[in-house]
Every structure is written in C-alpha cells, then in structure tokens.
Amino acid sequence: MGNNTRIIDKFEHWSVADCDCSQCIHYAGKDNPCPLEVCCIAAIKAEAIQREVEAENRLAAASVRGREAYAVD
C-alpha cells in the first residue's frame, strides 16, 4: 500500500455471530458432530460474548439514567 492509502473499515474484534460453529473450517454439517474435542475458537467466543454483554449492560444503564432524568414524582 502506498503513502496515500486509507483503510476505511479497520478490524476491531470478533462478534458472537462470527464465532458460530457454521463459520468454522471444521464444521461438517448440521447432522454431524464436531470432530474436535476442544473448540478451536473457544477463547475468542468467550471474549466476544463478554464484550456483547458489557455493551448491553452499558446500554441498559444509559437507558435507566435517561428515564430517571424524565421521572415525574
């Protein structure tokens, strides 16, 4: 890439949808069990789940704070 090349969509992290078993290279179909004893992306999947739960908690907290501002006693 040259000096004037801009990267518009930089990769930041995996999402839970990216960690679905159907996206795995070892996926053999819905009716076939996974040939691996240990999931090869378990750590990435746990991190993605944690990130999405934290995002939902932040959104819920912001929503509660917004309702408190408009509370009528």
PDB file of N, CA and C in Angstrom:
ATOM      1  N   MET A   1       0.831  -1.173   0.000  1.00  0.00           N
ATOM      2  CA  MET A   1       0.000   0.000   0.000  1.00  0.00           C
ATOM      3  C   MET A   1       0.878   1.238   0.000  1.00  0.00           C
ATOM      4  N   GLY A   2       0.425   2.232  -0.694  1.00  0.00           N
ATOM      5  CA  GLY A   2       1.190   3.463  -0.797  1.00  0.00           C
ATOM      6  C   GLY A   2       0.954   4.404   0.369  1.00  0.00           C
ATOM      7  N   ASN A   3       1.632   5.534   0.320  1.00  0.00           N
ATOM      8  CA  ASN A   3       1.524   6.527   1.384  1.00  0.00           C
ATOM      9  C   ASN A   3       0.133   7.150   1.469  1.00  0.00           C
ATOM     10  N   ASN A   4      -0.583   7.206   0.376  1.00  0.00           N
ATOM     11  CA  ASN A   4      -1.900   7.850   0.357  1.00  0.00           C
ATOM     12  C   ASN A   4      -3.057   6.860   0.491  1.00  0.00           C
ATOM     13  N   THR A   5      -2.798   5.627   0.885  1.00  0.00           N
ATOM     14  CA  THR A   5      -3.827   4.609   1.021  1.00  0.00           C
ATOM     15  C   THR A   5      -4.512   4.743   2.380  1.00  0.00           C
ATOM     16  N   ARG A   6      -5.840   4.828   2.358  1.00  0.00           N
ATOM     17  CA  ARG A   6      -6.598   4.877   3.608  1.00  0.00           C
ATOM     18  C   ARG A   6      -7.323   3.562   3.806  1.00  0.00           C
ATOM     19  N   ILE A   7      -7.280   3.050   5.019  1.00  0.00           N
ATOM     20  CA  ILE A   7      -8.035   1.858   5.375  1.00  0.00           C
ATOM     21  C   ILE A   7      -9.315   2.346   6.037  1.00  0.00           C
ATOM     22  N   ILE A   8     -10.438   2.120   5.379  1.00  0.00           N
ATOM     23  CA  ILE A   8     -11.689   2.691   5.845  1.00  0.00           C
ATOM     24  C   ILE A   8     -12.312   1.855   6.957  1.00  0.00           C
ATOM     25  N   ASP A   9     -12.363   0.564   6.813  1.00  0.00           N
ATOM     26  CA  ASP A   9     -13.029  -0.279   7.804  1.00  0.00           C
ATOM     27  C   ASP A   9     -11.980  -1.147   8.494  1.00  0.00           C
ATOM     28  N   LYS A  10     -11.405  -0.657   9.576  1.00  0.00           N
ATOM     29  CA  LYS A  10     -10.384  -1.406  10.301  1.00  0.00           C
ATOM     30  C   LYS A  10     -11.040  -2.467  11.168  1.00  0.00           C
ATOM     31  N   PHE A  11     -10.455  -3.664  11.190  1.00  0.00           N
ATOM     32  CA  PHE A  11     -10.965  -4.750  12.018  1.00  0.00           C
ATOM     33  C   PHE A  11     -10.676  -4.440  13.475  1.00  0.00           C
ATOM     34  N   GLU A  12     -11.699  -4.551  14.331  1.00  0.00           N
ATOM     35  CA  GLU A  12     -11.508  -4.280  15.748  1.00  0.00           C
ATOM     36  C   GLU A  12     -11.612  -5.534  16.599  1.00  0.00           C
ATOM     37  N   HIS A  13     -12.663  -6.328  16.397  1.00  0.00           N
ATOM     38  CA  HIS A  13     -12.840  -7.535  17.205  1.00  0.00           C
ATOM     39  C   HIS A  13     -13.865  -8.461  16.550  1.00  0.00           C
ATOM     40  N   TRP A  14     -13.889  -9.697  17.018  1.00  0.00           N
ATOM     41  CA  TRP A  14     -14.846 -10.686  16.532  1.00  0.00           C
ATOM     42  C   TRP A  14     -16.186 -10.475  17.219  1.00  0.00           C
ATOM     43  N   SER A  15     -17.271 -10.764  16.534  1.00  0.00           N
ATOM     44  CA  SER A  15     -18.596 -10.726  17.145  1.00  0.00           C
ATOM     45  C   SER A  15     -19.032 -12.162  17.442  1.00  0.00           C
ATOM     46  N   VAL A  16     -20.111 -12.301  18.195  1.00  0.00           N
ATOM     47  CA  VAL A  16     -20.627 -13.633  18.518  1.00  0.00           C
ATOM     48  C   VAL A  16     -21.082 -14.336  17.235  1.00  0.00           C
ATOM     49  N   ALA A  17     -21.642 -13.594  16.306  1.00  0.00           N
ATOM     50  CA  ALA A  17     -22.083 -14.183  15.035  1.00  0.00           C
ATOM     51  C   ALA A  17     -20.898 -14.733  14.243  1.00  0.00           C
ATOM     52  N   ASP A  18     -19.743 -14.095  14.356  1.00  0.00           N
ATOM     53  CA  ASP A  18     -18.541 -14.578  13.664  1.00  0.00           C
ATOM     54  C   ASP A  18     -18.050 -15.891  14.255  1.00  0.00           C
ATOM     55  N   CYS A  19     -18.386 -16.152  15.511  1.00  0.00           N
ATOM     56  CA  CYS A  19     -17.901 -17.343  16.220  1.00  0.00           C
ATOM     57  C   CYS A  19     -18.871 -18.513  16.139  1.00  0.00           C
ATOM     58  N   ASP A  20     -19.862 -18.427  15.268  1.00  0.00           N
ATOM     59  CA  ASP A  20     -20.830 -19.509  15.111  1.00  0.00           C
ATOM     60  C   ASP A  20     -20.148 -20.748  14.533  1.00  0.00           C
ATOM     61  N   CYS A  21     -20.570 -21.916  14.983  1.00  0.00           N
ATOM     62  CA  CYS A  21     -19.954 -23.166  14.523  1.00  0.00           C
ATOM     63  C   CYS A  21     -20.049 -23.338  13.007  1.00  0.00           C
ATOM     64  N   SER A  22     -21.112 -22.825  12.407  1.00  0.00           N
ATOM     65  CA  SER A  22     -21.266 -22.983  10.955  1.00  0.00           C
ATOM     66  C   SER A  22     -20.212 -22.203  10.179  1.00  0.00           C
ATOM     67  N   GLN A  23     -19.530 -21.263  10.816  1.00  0.00           N
ATOM     68  CA  GLN A  23     -18.468 -20.498  10.169  1.00  0.00           C
ATOM     69  C   GLN A  23     -17.098 -21.171  10.302  1.00  0.00           C
ATOM     70  N   CYS A  24     -17.006 -22.208  11.116  1.00  0.00           N
ATOM     71  CA  CYS A  24     -15.732 -22.881  11.400  1.00  0.00           C
ATOM     72  C   CYS A  24     -15.279 -23.748  10.219  1.00  0.00           C
ATOM     73  N   ILE A  25     -13.977 -23.836  10.028  1.00  0.00           N
ATOM     74  CA  ILE A  25     -13.447 -24.667   8.939  1.00  0.00           C
ATOM     75  C   ILE A  25     -13.605 -26.151   9.231  1.00  0.00           C
ATOM     76  N   HIS A  26     -13.856 -26.516  10.483  1.00  0.00           N
ATOM     77  CA  HIS A  26     -14.027 -27.921  10.864  1.00  0.00           C
ATOM     78  C   HIS A  26     -15.493 -28.341  10.859  1.00  0.00           C
ATOM     79  N   TYR A  27     -16.402 -27.426  10.547  1.00  0.00           N
ATOM     80  CA  TYR A  27     -17.840 -27.706  10.547  1.00  0.00           C
ATOM     81  C   TYR A  27     -18.158 -28.707   9.449  1.00  0.00           C
ATOM     82  N   ALA A  28     -18.831 -29.792   9.837  1.00  0.00           N
ATOM     83  CA  ALA A  28     -19.115 -30.859   8.876  1.00  0.00           C
ATOM     84  C   ALA A  28     -20.598 -30.961   8.546  1.00  0.00           C
ATOM     85  N   GLY A  29     -21.385 -30.020   8.964  1.00  0.00           N
ATOM     86  CA  GLY A  29     -22.810 -30.038   8.680  1.00  0.00           C
ATOM     87  C   GLY A  29     -23.631 -30.154   9.948  1.00  0.00           C
ATOM     88  N   LYS A  30     -24.906 -29.821   9.831  1.00  0.00           N
ATOM     89  CA  LYS A  30     -25.786 -29.773  10.982  1.00  0.00           C
ATOM     90  C   LYS A  30     -25.956 -31.136  11.647  1.00  0.00           C
ATOM     91  N   ASP A  31     -25.962 -32.193  10.873  1.00  0.00           N
ATOM     92  CA  ASP A  31     -26.210 -33.529  11.416  1.00  0.00           C
ATOM     93  C   ASP A  31     -24.946 -34.239  11.882  1.00  0.00           C
ATOM     94  N   ASN A  32     -23.782 -33.676  11.618  1.00  0.00           N
ATOM     95  CA  ASN A  32     -22.518 -34.305  12.003  1.00  0.00           C
ATOM     96  C   ASN A  32     -21.906 -33.580  13.191  1.00  0.00           C
ATOM     97  N   PRO A  33     -21.426 -34.333  14.184  1.00  0.00           N
ATOM     98  CA  PRO A  33     -20.795 -33.675  15.335  1.00  0.00           C
ATOM     99  C   PRO A  33     -19.438 -33.085  14.948  1.00  0.00           C
ATOM    100  N   CYS A  34     -18.984 -32.139  15.741  1.00  0.00           N
ATOM    101  CA  CYS A  34     -17.683 -31.520  15.501  1.00  0.00           C
ATOM    102  C   CYS A  34     -16.588 -32.550  15.748  1.00  0.00           C
ATOM    103  N   PRO A  35     -15.608 -32.657  14.875  1.00  0.00           N
ATOM    104  CA  PRO A  35     -14.543 -33.643  15.056  1.00  0.00           C
ATOM    105  C   PRO A  35     -13.520 -33.244  16.126  1.00  0.00           C
ATOM    106  N   LEU A  36     -13.563 -32.016  16.596  1.00  0.00           N
ATOM    107  CA  LEU A  36     -12.594 -31.545  17.580  1.00  0.00           C
ATOM    108  C   LEU A  36     -13.078 -31.834  18.998  1.00  0.00           C
ATOM    109  N   GLU A  37     -12.149 -32.188  19.879  1.00  0.00           N
ATOM    110  CA  GLU A  37     -12.507 -32.405  21.275  1.00  0.00           C
ATOM    111  C   GLU A  37     -12.664 -31.069  21.998  1.00  0.00           C
ATOM    112  N   VAL A  38     -11.857 -30.078  21.605  1.00  0.00           N
ATOM    113  CA  VAL A  38     -11.901 -28.745  22.199  1.00  0.00           C
ATOM    114  C   VAL A  38     -12.105 -27.735  21.071  1.00  0.00           C
ATOM    115  N   CYS A  39     -13.035 -26.823  21.274  1.00  0.00           N
ATOM    116  CA  CYS A  39     -13.315 -25.804  20.251  1.00  0.00           C
ATOM    117  C   CYS A  39     -12.068 -24.971  20.007  1.00  0.00           C
ATOM    118  N   CYS A  40     -11.726 -24.775  18.741  1.00  0.00           N
ATOM    119  CA  CYS A  40     -10.516 -24.034  18.400  1.00  0.00           C
ATOM    120  C   CYS A  40     -10.669 -22.530  18.583  1.00  0.00           C
ATOM    121  N   ILE A  41     -11.904 -22.045  18.740  1.00  0.00           N
ATOM    122  CA  ILE A  41     -12.101 -20.605  18.932  1.00  0.00           C
ATOM    123  C   ILE A  41     -12.824 -20.309  20.240  1.00  0.00           C
ATOM    124  N   ALA A  42     -12.725 -21.189  21.217  1.00  0.00           N
ATOM    125  CA  ALA A  42     -13.438 -21.015  22.487  1.00  0.00           C
ATOM    126  C   ALA A  42     -13.042 -19.719  23.181  1.00  0.00           C
ATOM    127  N   ALA A  43     -11.769 -19.385  23.202  1.00  0.00           N
ATOM    128  CA  ALA A  43     -11.316 -18.164  23.874  1.00  0.00           C
ATOM    129  C   ALA A  43     -11.843 -16.913  23.158  1.00  0.00           C
ATOM    130  N   ILE A  44     -11.837 -16.943  21.830  1.00  0.00           N
ATOM    131  CA  ILE A  44     -12.339 -15.802  21.055  1.00  0.00           C
ATOM    132  C   ILE A  44     -13.846 -15.661  21.265  1.00  0.00           C
ATOM    133  N   LYS A  45     -14.561 -16.801  21.300  1.00  0.00           N
ATOM    134  CA  LYS A  45     -16.004 -16.775  21.507  1.00  0.00           C
ATOM    135  C   LYS A  45     -16.342 -16.218  22.890  1.00  0.00           C
ATOM    136  N   ALA A  46     -15.601 -16.628  23.925  1.00  0.00           N
ATOM    137  CA  ALA A  46     -15.837 -16.124  25.283  1.00  0.00           C
ATOM    138  C   ALA A  46     -15.602 -14.617  25.349  1.00  0.00           C
ATOM    139  N   GLU A  47     -14.557 -14.151  24.689  1.00  0.00           N
ATOM    140  CA  GLU A  47     -14.263 -12.713  24.653  1.00  0.00           C
ATOM    141  C   GLU A  47     -15.377 -11.948  23.936  1.00  0.00           C
ATOM    142  N   ALA A  48     -15.882 -12.496  22.845  1.00  0.00           N
ATOM    143  CA  ALA A  48     -16.952 -11.836  22.094  1.00  0.00           C
ATOM    144  C   ALA A  48     -18.237 -11.782  22.913  1.00  0.00           C
ATOM    145  N   ILE A  49     -18.557 -12.859  23.619  1.00  0.00           N
ATOM    146  CA  ILE A  49     -19.748 -12.876  24.469  1.00  0.00           C
ATOM    147  C   ILE A  49     -19.612 -11.852  25.578  1.00  0.00           C
ATOM    148  N   GLN A  50     -18.453 -11.805  26.220  1.00  0.00           N
ATOM    149  CA  GLN A  50     -18.216 -10.845  27.295  1.00  0.00           C
ATOM    150  C   GLN A  50     -18.354  -9.412  26.786  1.00  0.00           C
ATOM    151  N   ARG A  51     -17.819  -9.133  25.606  1.00  0.00           N
ATOM    152  CA  ARG A  51     -17.884  -7.793  25.034  1.00  0.00           C
ATOM    153  C   ARG A  51     -19.330  -7.388  24.748  1.00  0.00           C
ATOM    154  N   GLU A  52     -20.140  -8.321  24.212  1.00  0.00           N
ATOM    155  CA  GLU A  52     -21.525  -8.000  23.904  1.00  0.00           C
ATOM    156  C   GLU A  52     -22.365  -7.836  25.166  1.00  0.00           C
ATOM    157  N   VAL A  53     -22.093  -8.631  26.211  1.00  0.00           N
ATOM    158  CA  VAL A  53     -22.811  -8.479  27.476  1.00  0.00           C
ATOM    159  C   VAL A  53     -22.479  -7.131  28.099  1.00  0.00           C
ATOM    160  N   GLU A  54     -21.212  -6.742  28.078  1.00  0.00           N
ATOM    161  CA  GLU A  54     -20.825  -5.433  28.615  1.00  0.00           C
ATOM    162  C   GLU A  54     -21.480  -4.299  27.836  1.00  0.00           C
ATOM    163  N   ALA A  55     -21.584  -4.443  26.536  1.00  0.00           N
ATOM    164  CA  ALA A  55     -22.229  -3.411  25.715  1.00  0.00           C
ATOM    165  C   ALA A  55     -23.718  -3.312  26.055  1.00  0.00           C
ATOM    166  N   GLU A  56     -24.380  -4.447  26.256  1.00  0.00           N
ATOM    167  CA  GLU A  56     -25.791  -4.446  26.632  1.00  0.00           C
ATOM    168  C   GLU A  56     -25.977  -3.811  28.005  1.00  0.00           C
ATOM    169  N   ASN A  57     -25.071  -4.105  28.944  1.00  0.00           N
ATOM    170  CA  ASN A  57     -25.163  -3.516  30.281  1.00  0.00           C
ATOM    171  C   ASN A  57     -24.985  -2.003  30.229  1.00  0.00           C
ATOM    172  N   ARG A  58     -24.044  -1.521  29.415  1.00  0.00           N
ATOM    173  CA  ARG A  58     -23.856  -0.079  29.272  1.00  0.00           C
ATOM    174  C   ARG A  58     -25.098   0.570  28.679  1.00  0.00           C
ATOM    175  N   LEU A  59     -25.698  -0.085  27.694  1.00  0.00           N
ATOM    176  CA  LEU A  59     -26.901   0.444  27.063  1.00  0.00           C
ATOM    177  C   LEU A  59     -28.061   0.481  28.051  1.00  0.00           C
ATOM    178  N   ALA A  60     -28.213  -0.571  28.849  1.00  0.00           N
ATOM    179  CA  ALA A  60     -29.284  -0.619  29.846  1.00  0.00           C
ATOM    180  C   ALA A  60     -29.080   0.453  30.910  1.00  0.00           C
ATOM    181  N   ALA A  61     -27.841   0.646  31.347  1.00  0.00           N
ATOM    182  CA  ALA A  61     -27.550   1.671  32.354  1.00  0.00           C
ATOM    183  C   ALA A  61     -27.845   3.057  31.802  1.00  0.00           C
ATOM    184  N   ALA A  62     -27.507   3.300  30.563  1.00  0.00           N
ATOM    185  CA  ALA A  62     -27.788   4.597  29.944  1.00  0.00           C
ATOM    186  C   ALA A  62     -29.289   4.807  29.812  1.00  0.00           C
ATOM    187  N   SER A  63     -30.013   3.755  29.521  1.00  0.00           N
ATOM    188  CA  SER A  63     -31.460   3.844  29.393  1.00  0.00           C
ATOM    189  C   SER A  63     -32.093   4.183  30.735  1.00  0.00           C
ATOM    190  N   VAL A  64     -31.614   3.550  31.815  1.00  0.00           N
ATOM    191  CA  VAL A  64     -32.142   3.824  33.154  1.00  0.00           C
ATOM    192  C   VAL A  64     -31.839   5.261  33.546  1.00  0.00           C
ATOM    193  N   ARG A  65     -30.612   5.721  33.286  1.00  0.00           N
ATOM    194  CA  ARG A  65     -30.258   7.107  33.600  1.00  0.00           C
ATOM    195  C   ARG A  65     -31.127   8.085  32.817  1.00  0.00           C
ATOM    196  N   GLY A  66     -31.461   7.740  31.585  1.00  0.00           N
ATOM    197  CA  GLY A  66     -32.307   8.611  30.773  1.00  0.00           C
ATOM    198  C   GLY A  66     -33.730   8.683  31.317  1.00  0.00           C
ATOM    199  N   ARG A  67     -34.250   7.565  31.814  1.00  0.00           N
ATOM    200  CA  ARG A  67     -35.596   7.549  32.394  1.00  0.00           C
ATOM    201  C   ARG A  67     -35.629   8.329  33.703  1.00  0.00           C
ATOM    202  N   GLU A  68     -34.557   8.256  34.484  1.00  0.00           N
ATOM    203  CA  GLU A  68     -34.519   8.972  35.758  1.00  0.00           C
ATOM    204  C   GLU A  68     -34.556  10.481  35.539  1.00  0.00           C
ATOM    205  N   ALA A  69     -33.982  10.936  34.448  1.00  0.00           N
ATOM    206  CA  ALA A  69     -33.985  12.374  34.158  1.00  0.00           C
ATOM    207  C   ALA A  69     -35.385  12.879  33.860  1.00  0.00           C
ATOM    208  N   TYR A  70     -36.254  12.013  33.329  1.00  0.00           N
ATOM    209  CA  TYR A  70     -37.602  12.415  32.975  1.00  0.00           C
ATOM    210  C   TYR A  70     -38.647  11.903  33.962  1.00  0.00           C
ATOM    211  N   ALA A  71     -38.211  11.399  35.112  1.00  0.00           N
ATOM    212  CA  ALA A  71     -39.135  10.858  36.105  1.00  0.00           C
ATOM    213  C   ALA A  71     -40.004  11.976  36.693  1.00  0.00           C
ATOM    214  N   VAL A  72     -41.260  11.673  36.832  1.00  0.00           N
ATOM    215  CA  VAL A  72     -42.201  12.614  37.430  1.00  0.00           C
ATOM    216  C   VAL A  72     -42.658  12.025  38.750  1.00  0.00           C
ATOM    217  N   ASP A  73     -42.483  12.777  39.817  1.00  0.00           N
ATOM    218  CA  ASP A  73     -42.878  12.271  41.145  1.00  0.00           C
ATOM    219  C   ASP A  73     -44.283  12.679  41.480  1.00  0.00           C
TER     220      ASP A  73
END
